[in-house]
Amino acid sequence: MRFVWILFFLVVLQSQAYACEPAVGGHAKPSASAVQAPLNINVADVTELQRLSGIGAVKAQAIVDHRQVHGAFASVDELLEVKGIGKGLLQRNRALLTVD
């Protein structure tokens, strides 16, 4: 019986050690606040745009496509013309965007 308790204790200790280890090779997307410098939406590529909150590959590509068809954005508010970009998404990222 003593052996069973020791074995149980060791298993519990090992499981706690694995739970505390950081994920290796994770693809966690940084939050919008993790992006430091304002991002110029007139020159940003798809990869850079994906760093923004709520912007995945499809929306990032839509922004780039819109810019190529319609020319440079005159203001950040023009992002609302891009399919998939709504007021909430724009508000979450507004402080991180520029058109300079």
PDB file of N, CA and C in Angstrom:
ATOM      1  N   MET A   1       0.824  -1.190   0.000  1.00  0.00           N
ATOM      2  CA  MET A   1       0.000   0.000   0.000  1.00  0.00           C
ATOM      3  C   MET A   1       0.871   1.257   0.000  1.00  0.00           C
ATOM      4  N   ARG A   2       1.959   1.172   0.750  1.00  0.00           N
ATOM      5  CA  ARG A   2       2.870   2.313   0.816  1.00  0.00           C
ATOM      6  C   ARG A   2       3.442   2.612  -0.576  1.00  0.00           C
ATOM      7  N   PHE A   3       3.764   1.584  -1.320  1.00  0.00           N
ATOM      8  CA  PHE A   3       4.290   1.741  -2.670  1.00  0.00           C
ATOM      9  C   PHE A   3       3.284   2.461  -3.576  1.00  0.00           C
ATOM     10  N   VAL A   4       2.020   2.141  -3.443  1.00  0.00           N
ATOM     11  CA  VAL A   4       0.961   2.773  -4.238  1.00  0.00           C
ATOM     12  C   VAL A   4       0.902   4.268  -3.935  1.00  0.00           C
ATOM     13  N   TRP A   5       0.999   4.637  -2.676  1.00  0.00           N
ATOM     14  CA  TRP A   5       0.953   6.058  -2.304  1.00  0.00           C
ATOM     15  C   TRP A   5       2.171   6.807  -2.830  1.00  0.00           C
ATOM     16  N   ILE A   6       3.313   6.202  -2.760  1.00  0.00           N
ATOM     17  CA  ILE A   6       4.527   6.839  -3.286  1.00  0.00           C
ATOM     18  C   ILE A   6       4.407   7.011  -4.794  1.00  0.00           C
ATOM     19  N   LEU A   7       3.934   5.995  -5.469  1.00  0.00           N
ATOM     20  CA  LEU A   7       3.736   6.070  -6.910  1.00  0.00           C
ATOM     21  C   LEU A   7       2.721   7.158  -7.265  1.00  0.00           C
ATOM     22  N   PHE A   8       1.623   7.215  -6.534  1.00  0.00           N
ATOM     23  CA  PHE A   8       0.607   8.244  -6.753  1.00  0.00           C
ATOM     24  C   PHE A   8       1.210   9.636  -6.562  1.00  0.00           C
ATOM     25  N   PHE A   9       1.977   9.826  -5.517  1.00  0.00           N
ATOM     26  CA  PHE A   9       2.609  11.105  -5.222  1.00  0.00           C
ATOM     27  C   PHE A   9       3.547  11.523  -6.358  1.00  0.00           C
ATOM     28  N   LEU A  10       4.339  10.586  -6.871  1.00  0.00           N
ATOM     29  CA  LEU A  10       5.248  10.893  -7.970  1.00  0.00           C
ATOM     30  C   LEU A  10       4.494  11.269  -9.246  1.00  0.00           C
ATOM     31  N   VAL A  11       3.410  10.588  -9.524  1.00  0.00           N
ATOM     32  CA  VAL A  11       2.598  10.907 -10.705  1.00  0.00           C
ATOM     33  C   VAL A  11       2.016  12.310 -10.586  1.00  0.00           C
ATOM     34  N   VAL A  12       1.534  12.661  -9.408  1.00  0.00           N
ATOM     35  CA  VAL A  12       0.973  13.998  -9.192  1.00  0.00           C
ATOM     36  C   VAL A  12       2.049  15.056  -9.379  1.00  0.00           C
ATOM     37  N   LEU A  13       3.235  14.829  -8.846  1.00  0.00           N
ATOM     38  CA  LEU A  13       4.328  15.786  -9.012  1.00  0.00           C
ATOM     39  C   LEU A  13       4.700  15.958 -10.479  1.00  0.00           C
ATOM     40  N   GLN A  14       4.757  14.876 -11.215  1.00  0.00           N
ATOM     41  CA  GLN A  14       5.099  14.950 -12.629  1.00  0.00           C
ATOM     42  C   GLN A  14       4.038  15.706 -13.427  1.00  0.00           C
ATOM     43  N   SER A  15       2.786  15.474 -13.116  1.00  0.00           N
ATOM     44  CA  SER A  15       1.723  16.161 -13.854  1.00  0.00           C
ATOM     45  C   SER A  15       1.771  17.660 -13.589  1.00  0.00           C
ATOM     46  N   GLN A  16       2.134  18.065 -12.392  1.00  0.00           N
ATOM     47  CA  GLN A  16       2.253  19.490 -12.078  1.00  0.00           C
ATOM     48  C   GLN A  16       3.419  20.114 -12.831  1.00  0.00           C
ATOM     49  N   ALA A  17       4.490  19.375 -12.990  1.00  0.00           N
ATOM     50  CA  ALA A  17       5.654  19.885 -13.714  1.00  0.00           C
ATOM     51  C   ALA A  17       5.305  20.136 -15.178  1.00  0.00           C
ATOM     52  N   TYR A  18       4.542  19.239 -15.788  1.00  0.00           N
ATOM     53  CA  TYR A  18       4.143  19.425 -17.180  1.00  0.00           C
ATOM     54  C   TYR A  18       3.153  20.568 -17.332  1.00  0.00           C
ATOM     55  N   ALA A  19       2.316  20.764 -16.362  1.00  0.00           N
ATOM     56  CA  ALA A  19       1.322  21.831 -16.434  1.00  0.00           C
ATOM     57  C   ALA A  19       1.974  23.199 -16.379  1.00  0.00           C
ATOM     58  N   CYS A  20       3.142  23.305 -15.779  1.00  0.00           N
ATOM     59  CA  CYS A  20       3.821  24.592 -15.619  1.00  0.00           C
ATOM     60  C   CYS A  20       4.731  24.933 -16.783  1.00  0.00           C
ATOM     61  N   GLU A  21       5.032  23.977 -17.642  1.00  0.00           N
ATOM     62  CA  GLU A  21       5.936  24.233 -18.748  1.00  0.00           C
ATOM     63  C   GLU A  21       5.243  25.065 -19.817  1.00  0.00           C
ATOM     64  N   PRO A  22       5.956  26.066 -20.365  1.00  0.00           N
ATOM     65  CA  PRO A  22       5.363  26.844 -21.452  1.00  0.00           C
ATOM     66  C   PRO A  22       5.262  26.003 -22.718  1.00  0.00           C
ATOM     67  N   ALA A  23       4.295  26.314 -23.532  1.00  0.00           N
ATOM     68  CA  ALA A  23       4.113  25.596 -24.788  1.00  0.00           C
ATOM     69  C   ALA A  23       5.268  25.919 -25.722  1.00  0.00           C
ATOM     70  N   VAL A  24       5.808  24.917 -26.363  1.00  0.00           N
ATOM     71  CA  VAL A  24       6.912  25.095 -27.285  1.00  0.00           C
ATOM     72  C   VAL A  24       6.353  25.143 -28.691  1.00  0.00           C
ATOM     73  N   GLY A  25       6.763  26.150 -29.448  1.00  0.00           N
ATOM     74  CA  GLY A  25       6.326  26.243 -30.827  1.00  0.00           C
ATOM     75  C   GLY A  25       4.887  26.667 -30.984  1.00  0.00           C
ATOM     76  N   GLY A  26       4.319  27.271 -29.958  1.00  0.00           N
ATOM     77  CA  GLY A  26       2.942  27.740 -30.046  1.00  0.00           C
ATOM     78  C   GLY A  26       2.822  28.882 -31.033  1.00  0.00           C
ATOM     79  N   HIS A  27       1.668  29.029 -31.594  1.00  0.00           N
ATOM     80  CA  HIS A  27       1.433  30.084 -32.564  1.00  0.00           C
ATOM     81  C   HIS A  27       0.468  31.111 -31.996  1.00  0.00           C
ATOM     82  N   ALA A  28       0.695  31.490 -30.758  1.00  0.00           N
ATOM     83  CA  ALA A  28      -0.190  32.455 -30.118  1.00  0.00           C
ATOM     84  C   ALA A  28      -0.038  33.810 -30.790  1.00  0.00           C
ATOM     85  N   LYS A  29      -1.150  34.396 -31.123  1.00  0.00           N
ATOM     86  CA  LYS A  29      -1.176  35.705 -31.752  1.00  0.00           C
ATOM     87  C   LYS A  29      -1.093  36.767 -30.666  1.00  0.00           C
ATOM     88  N   PRO A  30      -0.154  37.687 -30.762  1.00  0.00           N
ATOM     89  CA  PRO A  30      -0.076  38.716 -29.735  1.00  0.00           C
ATOM     90  C   PRO A  30      -1.326  39.573 -29.736  1.00  0.00           C
ATOM     91  N   SER A  31      -1.677  40.059 -28.584  1.00  0.00           N
ATOM     92  CA  SER A  31      -2.855  40.920 -28.490  1.00  0.00           C
ATOM     93  C   SER A  31      -2.562  42.252 -29.153  1.00  0.00           C
ATOM     94  N   ALA A  32      -3.594  43.021 -29.404  1.00  0.00           N
ATOM     95  CA  ALA A  32      -3.427  44.315 -30.050  1.00  0.00           C
ATOM     96  C   ALA A  32      -2.524  45.215 -29.235  1.00  0.00           C
ATOM     97  N   SER A  33      -2.584  45.111 -27.917  1.00  0.00           N
ATOM     98  CA  SER A  33      -1.747  45.961 -27.082  1.00  0.00           C
ATOM     99  C   SER A  33      -0.280  45.556 -27.149  1.00  0.00           C
ATOM    100  N   ALA A  34       0.019  44.344 -27.627  1.00  0.00           N
ATOM    101  CA  ALA A  34       1.399  43.906 -27.735  1.00  0.00           C
ATOM    102  C   ALA A  34       2.096  44.525 -28.937  1.00  0.00           C
ATOM    103  N   VAL A  35       1.346  45.019 -29.903  1.00  0.00           N
ATOM    104  CA  VAL A  35       1.917  45.687 -31.057  1.00  0.00           C
ATOM    105  C   VAL A  35       2.319  47.077 -30.601  1.00  0.00           C
ATOM    106  N   GLN A  36       3.602  47.415 -30.698  1.00  0.00           N
ATOM    107  CA  GLN A  36       4.118  48.641 -30.109  1.00  0.00           C
ATOM    108  C   GLN A  36       3.872  49.875 -30.982  1.00  0.00           C
ATOM    109  N   ALA A  37       4.524  49.957 -32.112  1.00  0.00           N
ATOM    110  CA  ALA A  37       4.457  51.147 -32.950  1.00  0.00           C
ATOM    111  C   ALA A  37       3.179  51.137 -33.782  1.00  0.00           C
ATOM    112  N   PRO A  38       2.652  52.325 -34.089  1.00  0.00           N
ATOM    113  CA  PRO A  38       1.473  52.377 -34.966  1.00  0.00           C
ATOM    114  C   PRO A  38       1.780  51.715 -36.312  1.00  0.00           C
ATOM    115  N   LEU A  39       0.815  51.012 -36.824  1.00  0.00           N
ATOM    116  CA  LEU A  39       0.971  50.274 -38.071  1.00  0.00           C
ATOM    117  C   LEU A  39       0.364  51.088 -39.205  1.00  0.00           C
ATOM    118  N   ASN A  40       1.167  51.398 -40.207  1.00  0.00           N
ATOM    119  CA  ASN A  40       0.695  52.154 -41.363  1.00  0.00           C
ATOM    120  C   ASN A  40      -0.054  51.200 -42.288  1.00  0.00           C
ATOM    121  N   ILE A  41      -1.367  51.375 -42.368  1.00  0.00           N
ATOM    122  CA  ILE A  41      -2.186  50.458 -43.168  1.00  0.00           C
ATOM    123  C   ILE A  41      -1.980  50.637 -44.669  1.00  0.00           C
ATOM    124  N   ASN A  42      -1.277  51.699 -45.067  1.00  0.00           N
ATOM    125  CA  ASN A  42      -1.010  51.904 -46.489  1.00  0.00           C
ATOM    126  C   ASN A  42       0.229  51.160 -46.976  1.00  0.00           C
ATOM    127  N   VAL A  43       1.034  50.656 -46.055  1.00  0.00           N
ATOM    128  CA  VAL A  43       2.235  49.929 -46.462  1.00  0.00           C
ATOM    129  C   VAL A  43       2.350  48.557 -45.799  1.00  0.00           C
ATOM    130  N   ALA A  44       1.500  48.268 -44.822  1.00  0.00           N
ATOM    131  CA  ALA A  44       1.584  46.999 -44.086  1.00  0.00           C
ATOM    132  C   ALA A  44       1.231  45.826 -44.993  1.00  0.00           C
ATOM    133  N   ASP A  45       1.966  44.739 -44.822  1.00  0.00           N
ATOM    134  CA  ASP A  45       1.644  43.532 -45.581  1.00  0.00           C
ATOM    135  C   ASP A  45       0.699  42.645 -44.762  1.00  0.00           C
ATOM    136  N   VAL A  46       0.314  41.536 -45.342  1.00  0.00           N
ATOM    137  CA  VAL A  46      -0.655  40.633 -44.716  1.00  0.00           C
ATOM    138  C   VAL A  46      -0.162  40.154 -43.352  1.00  0.00           C
ATOM    139  N   THR A  47       1.096  39.796 -43.260  1.00  0.00           N
ATOM    140  CA  THR A  47       1.654  39.298 -42.000  1.00  0.00           C
ATOM    141  C   THR A  47       1.596  40.355 -40.909  1.00  0.00           C
ATOM    142  N   GLU A  48       1.939  41.575 -41.240  1.00  0.00           N
ATOM    143  CA  GLU A  48       1.900  42.662 -40.250  1.00  0.00           C
ATOM    144  C   GLU A  48       0.470  42.943 -39.803  1.00  0.00           C
ATOM    145  N   LEU A  49      -0.459  42.936 -40.722  1.00  0.00           N
ATOM    146  CA  LEU A  49      -1.856  43.205 -40.386  1.00  0.00           C
ATOM    147  C   LEU A  49      -2.439  42.118 -39.487  1.00  0.00           C
ATOM    148  N   GLN A  50      -1.969  40.898 -39.626  1.00  0.00           N
ATOM    149  CA  GLN A  50      -2.476  39.795 -38.808  1.00  0.00           C
ATOM    150  C   GLN A  50      -2.091  39.932 -37.341  1.00  0.00           C
ATOM    151  N   ARG A  51      -1.175  40.795 -37.020  1.00  0.00           N
ATOM    152  CA  ARG A  51      -0.786  41.012 -35.621  1.00  0.00           C
ATOM    153  C   ARG A  51      -1.839  41.800 -34.855  1.00  0.00           C
ATOM    154  N   LEU A  52      -2.771  42.385 -35.565  1.00  0.00           N
ATOM    155  CA  LEU A  52      -3.822  43.177 -34.929  1.00  0.00           C
ATOM    156  C   LEU A  52      -4.912  42.273 -34.368  1.00  0.00           C
ATOM    157  N   SER A  53      -5.606  42.763 -33.377  1.00  0.00           N
ATOM    158  CA  SER A  53      -6.682  42.011 -32.734  1.00  0.00           C
ATOM    159  C   SER A  53      -7.833  41.788 -33.705  1.00  0.00           C
ATOM    160  N   GLY A  54      -8.213  40.538 -33.898  1.00  0.00           N
ATOM    161  CA  GLY A  54      -9.360  40.207 -34.734  1.00  0.00           C
ATOM    162  C   GLY A  54      -9.077  40.166 -36.221  1.00  0.00           C
ATOM    163  N   ILE A  55      -7.820  40.336 -36.613  1.00  0.00           N
ATOM    164  CA  ILE A  55      -7.459  40.316 -38.029  1.00  0.00           C
ATOM    165  C   ILE A  55      -6.706  39.022 -38.319  1.00  0.00           C
ATOM    166  N   GLY A  56      -7.347  38.156 -39.081  1.00  0.00           N
ATOM    167  CA  GLY A  56      -6.706  36.919 -39.505  1.00  0.00           C
ATOM    168  C   GLY A  56      -6.217  37.060 -40.936  1.00  0.00           C
ATOM    169  N   ALA A  57      -5.862  35.956 -41.533  1.00  0.00           N
ATOM    170  CA  ALA A  57      -5.311  35.965 -42.887  1.00  0.00           C
ATOM    171  C   ALA A  57      -6.304  36.505 -43.914  1.00  0.00           C
ATOM    172  N   VAL A  58      -7.569  36.145 -43.788  1.00  0.00           N
ATOM    173  CA  VAL A  58      -8.577  36.557 -44.772  1.00  0.00           C
ATOM    174  C   VAL A  58      -8.822  38.061 -44.705  1.00  0.00           C
ATOM    175  N   LYS A  59      -9.019  38.591 -43.507  1.00  0.00           N
ATOM    176  CA  LYS A  59      -9.266  40.031 -43.373  1.00  0.00           C
ATOM    177  C   LYS A  59      -8.027  40.838 -43.744  1.00  0.00           C
ATOM    178  N   ALA A  60      -6.857  40.344 -43.375  1.00  0.00           N
ATOM    179  CA  ALA A  60      -5.621  41.045 -43.734  1.00  0.00           C
ATOM    180  C   ALA A  60      -5.477  41.110 -45.253  1.00  0.00           C
ATOM    181  N   GLN A  61      -5.770  40.010 -45.923  1.00  0.00           N
ATOM    182  CA  GLN A  61      -5.687  40.001 -47.386  1.00  0.00           C
ATOM    183  C   GLN A  61      -6.738  40.924 -47.994  1.00  0.00           C
ATOM    184  N   ALA A  62      -7.917  40.988 -47.386  1.00  0.00           N
ATOM    185  CA  ALA A  62      -8.967  41.885 -47.883  1.00  0.00           C
ATOM    186  C   ALA A  62      -8.524  43.344 -47.781  1.00  0.00           C
ATOM    187  N   ILE A  63      -7.822  43.690 -46.716  1.00  0.00           N
ATOM    188  CA  ILE A  63      -7.317  45.063 -46.557  1.00  0.00           C
ATOM    189  C   ILE A  63      -6.299  45.370 -47.648  1.00  0.00           C
ATOM    190  N   VAL A  64      -5.367  44.455 -47.875  1.00  0.00           N
ATOM    191  CA  VAL A  64      -4.350  44.653 -48.908  1.00  0.00           C
ATOM    192  C   VAL A  64      -5.001  44.732 -50.286  1.00  0.00           C
ATOM    193  N   ASP A  65      -5.967  43.861 -50.566  1.00  0.00           N
ATOM    194  CA  ASP A  65      -6.659  43.880 -51.861  1.00  0.00           C
ATOM    195  C   ASP A  65      -7.406  45.192 -52.063  1.00  0.00           C
ATOM    196  N   HIS A  66      -8.084  45.670 -51.031  1.00  0.00           N
ATOM    197  CA  HIS A  66      -8.819  46.934 -51.120  1.00  0.00           C
ATOM    198  C   HIS A  66      -7.857  48.076 -51.433  1.00  0.00           C
ATOM    199  N   ARG A  67      -6.719  48.068 -50.773  1.00  0.00           N
ATOM    200  CA  ARG A  67      -5.713  49.116 -50.985  1.00  0.00           C
ATOM    201  C   ARG A  67      -5.180  49.073 -52.412  1.00  0.00           C
ATOM    202  N   GLN A  68      -4.992  47.872 -52.962  1.00  0.00           N
ATOM    203  CA  GLN A  68      -4.476  47.753 -54.324  1.00  0.00           C
ATOM    204  C   GLN A  68      -5.497  48.206 -55.361  1.00  0.00           C
ATOM    205  N   VAL A  69      -6.769  47.959 -55.106  1.00  0.00           N
ATOM    206  CA  VAL A  69      -7.825  48.325 -56.059  1.00  0.00           C
ATOM    207  C   VAL A  69      -8.188  49.802 -55.960  1.00  0.00           C
ATOM    208  N   HIS A  70      -8.330  50.306 -54.727  1.00  0.00           N
ATOM    209  CA  HIS A  70      -8.839  51.661 -54.511  1.00  0.00           C
ATOM    210  C   HIS A  70      -7.768  52.690 -54.174  1.00  0.00           C
ATOM    211  N   GLY A  71      -6.539  52.273 -54.041  1.00  0.00           N
ATOM    212  CA  GLY A  71      -5.465  53.196 -53.685  1.00  0.00           C
ATOM    213  C   GLY A  71      -5.318  53.316 -52.174  1.00  0.00           C
ATOM    214  N   ALA A  72      -4.422  54.192 -51.783  1.00  0.00           N
ATOM    215  CA  ALA A  72      -4.093  54.363 -50.366  1.00  0.00           C
ATOM    216  C   ALA A  72      -5.298  54.842 -49.563  1.00  0.00           C
ATOM    217  N   PHE A  73      -5.331  54.428 -48.312  1.00  0.00           N
ATOM    218  CA  PHE A  73      -6.368  54.885 -47.389  1.00  0.00           C
ATOM    219  C   PHE A  73      -6.064  56.330 -47.002  1.00  0.00           C
ATOM    220  N   ALA A  74      -7.064  57.197 -47.074  1.00  0.00           N
ATOM    221  CA  ALA A  74      -6.890  58.589 -46.656  1.00  0.00           C
ATOM    222  C   ALA A  74      -7.017  58.720 -45.145  1.00  0.00           C
ATOM    223  N   SER A  75      -7.776  57.822 -44.530  1.00  0.00           N
ATOM    224  CA  SER A  75      -7.928  57.821 -43.075  1.00  0.00           C
ATOM    225  C   SER A  75      -8.149  56.387 -42.603  1.00  0.00           C
ATOM    226  N   VAL A  76      -7.911  56.186 -41.327  1.00  0.00           N
ATOM    227  CA  VAL A  76      -8.115  54.867 -40.730  1.00  0.00           C
ATOM    228  C   VAL A  76      -9.583  54.457 -40.844  1.00  0.00           C
ATOM    229  N   ASP A  77     -10.496  55.424 -40.802  1.00  0.00           N
ATOM    230  CA  ASP A  77     -11.929  55.130 -40.893  1.00  0.00           C
ATOM    231  C   ASP A  77     -12.317  54.461 -42.209  1.00  0.00           C
ATOM    232  N   GLU A  78     -11.529  54.637 -43.244  1.00  0.00           N
ATOM    233  CA  GLU A  78     -11.830  54.002 -44.530  1.00  0.00           C
ATOM    234  C   GLU A  78     -11.724  52.480 -44.468  1.00  0.00           C
ATOM    235  N   LEU A  79     -11.140  51.956 -43.405  1.00  0.00           N
ATOM    236  CA  LEU A  79     -11.104  50.497 -43.237  1.00  0.00           C
ATOM    237  C   LEU A  79     -12.514  49.919 -43.152  1.00  0.00           C
ATOM    238  N   LEU A  80     -13.478  50.742 -42.764  1.00  0.00           N
ATOM    239  CA  LEU A  80     -14.867  50.277 -42.678  1.00  0.00           C
ATOM    240  C   LEU A  80     -15.417  49.874 -44.043  1.00  0.00           C
ATOM    241  N   GLU A  81     -14.782  50.330 -45.110  1.00  0.00           N
ATOM    242  CA  GLU A  81     -15.200  49.967 -46.464  1.00  0.00           C
ATOM    243  C   GLU A  81     -14.751  48.548 -46.838  1.00  0.00           C
ATOM    244  N   VAL A  82     -13.837  47.992 -46.065  1.00  0.00           N
ATOM    245  CA  VAL A  82     -13.310  46.651 -46.338  1.00  0.00           C
ATOM    246  C   VAL A  82     -14.269  45.613 -45.763  1.00  0.00           C
ATOM    247  N   LYS A  83     -14.638  44.639 -46.574  1.00  0.00           N
ATOM    248  CA  LYS A  83     -15.545  43.581 -46.123  1.00  0.00           C
ATOM    249  C   LYS A  83     -14.937  42.862 -44.919  1.00  0.00           C
ATOM    250  N   GLY A  84     -15.737  42.728 -43.871  1.00  0.00           N
ATOM    251  CA  GLY A  84     -15.290  42.035 -42.668  1.00  0.00           C
ATOM    252  C   GLY A  84     -14.760  42.946 -41.579  1.00  0.00           C
ATOM    253  N   ILE A  85     -14.589  44.216 -41.887  1.00  0.00           N
ATOM    254  CA  ILE A  85     -14.105  45.173 -40.889  1.00  0.00           C
ATOM    255  C   ILE A  85     -15.293  45.994 -40.413  1.00  0.00           C
ATOM    256  N   GLY A  86     -15.627  45.841 -39.150  1.00  0.00           N
ATOM    257  CA  GLY A  86     -16.745  46.576 -38.565  1.00  0.00           C
ATOM    258  C   GLY A  86     -16.261  47.628 -37.584  1.00  0.00           C
ATOM    259  N   LYS A  87     -17.223  48.357 -37.033  1.00  0.00           N
ATOM    260  CA  LYS A  87     -16.891  49.434 -36.096  1.00  0.00           C
ATOM    261  C   LYS A  87     -16.163  48.924 -34.859  1.00  0.00           C
ATOM    262  N   GLY A  88     -16.614  47.805 -34.314  1.00  0.00           N
ATOM    263  CA  GLY A  88     -15.986  47.254 -33.112  1.00  0.00           C
ATOM    264  C   GLY A  88     -14.536  46.863 -33.350  1.00  0.00           C
ATOM    265  N   LEU A  89     -14.301  46.190 -34.456  1.00  0.00           N
ATOM    266  CA  LEU A  89     -12.949  45.770 -34.802  1.00  0.00           C
ATOM    267  C   LEU A  89     -12.047  46.984 -35.012  1.00  0.00           C
ATOM    268  N   LEU A  90     -12.579  47.986 -35.679  1.00  0.00           N
ATOM    269  CA  LEU A  90     -11.808  49.205 -35.908  1.00  0.00           C
ATOM    270  C   LEU A  90     -11.495  49.904 -34.589  1.00  0.00           C
ATOM    271  N   GLN A  91     -12.466  49.997 -33.706  1.00  0.00           N
ATOM    272  CA  GLN A  91     -12.256  50.664 -32.418  1.00  0.00           C
ATOM    273  C   GLN A  91     -11.193  49.952 -31.586  1.00  0.00           C
ATOM    274  N   ARG A  92     -11.201  48.624 -31.602  1.00  0.00           N
ATOM    275  CA  ARG A  92     -10.202  47.862 -30.834  1.00  0.00           C
ATOM    276  C   ARG A  92      -8.786  48.158 -31.294  1.00  0.00           C
ATOM    277  N   ASN A  93      -8.631  48.461 -32.567  1.00  0.00           N
ATOM    278  CA  ASN A  93      -7.291  48.628 -33.138  1.00  0.00           C
ATOM    279  C   ASN A  93      -6.944  50.066 -33.514  1.00  0.00           C
ATOM    280  N   ARG A  94      -7.872  50.987 -33.379  1.00  0.00           N
ATOM    281  CA  ARG A  94      -7.681  52.362 -33.856  1.00  0.00           C
ATOM    282  C   ARG A  94      -6.381  52.995 -33.364  1.00  0.00           C
ATOM    283  N   ALA A  95      -6.078  52.850 -32.090  1.00  0.00           N
ATOM    284  CA  ALA A  95      -4.886  53.489 -31.520  1.00  0.00           C
ATOM    285  C   ALA A  95      -3.595  52.919 -32.104  1.00  0.00           C
ATOM    286  N   LEU A  96      -3.680  51.776 -32.740  1.00  0.00           N
ATOM    287  CA  LEU A  96      -2.494  51.116 -33.279  1.00  0.00           C
ATOM    288  C   LEU A  96      -2.316  51.344 -34.774  1.00  0.00           C
ATOM    289  N   LEU A  97      -3.214  52.115 -35.376  1.00  0.00           N
ATOM    290  CA  LEU A  97      -3.205  52.282 -36.828  1.00  0.00           C
ATOM    291  C   LEU A  97      -2.912  53.715 -37.236  1.00  0.00           C
ATOM    292  N   THR A  98      -2.274  53.842 -38.385  1.00  0.00           N
ATOM    293  CA  THR A  98      -2.005  55.152 -38.962  1.00  0.00           C
ATOM    294  C   THR A  98      -2.043  55.025 -40.485  1.00  0.00           C
ATOM    295  N   VAL A  99      -2.127  56.162 -41.160  1.00  0.00           N
ATOM    296  CA  VAL A  99      -2.079  56.181 -42.624  1.00  0.00           C
ATOM    297  C   VAL A  99      -0.908  57.032 -43.111  1.00  0.00           C
ATOM    298  N   ASP A 100      -0.040  57.423 -42.211  1.00  0.00           N
ATOM    299  CA  ASP A 100       1.128  58.264 -42.565  1.00  0.00           C
ATOM    300  C   ASP A 100       2.117  57.534 -43.416  1.00  0.00           C
TER     301      ASP A 100
END
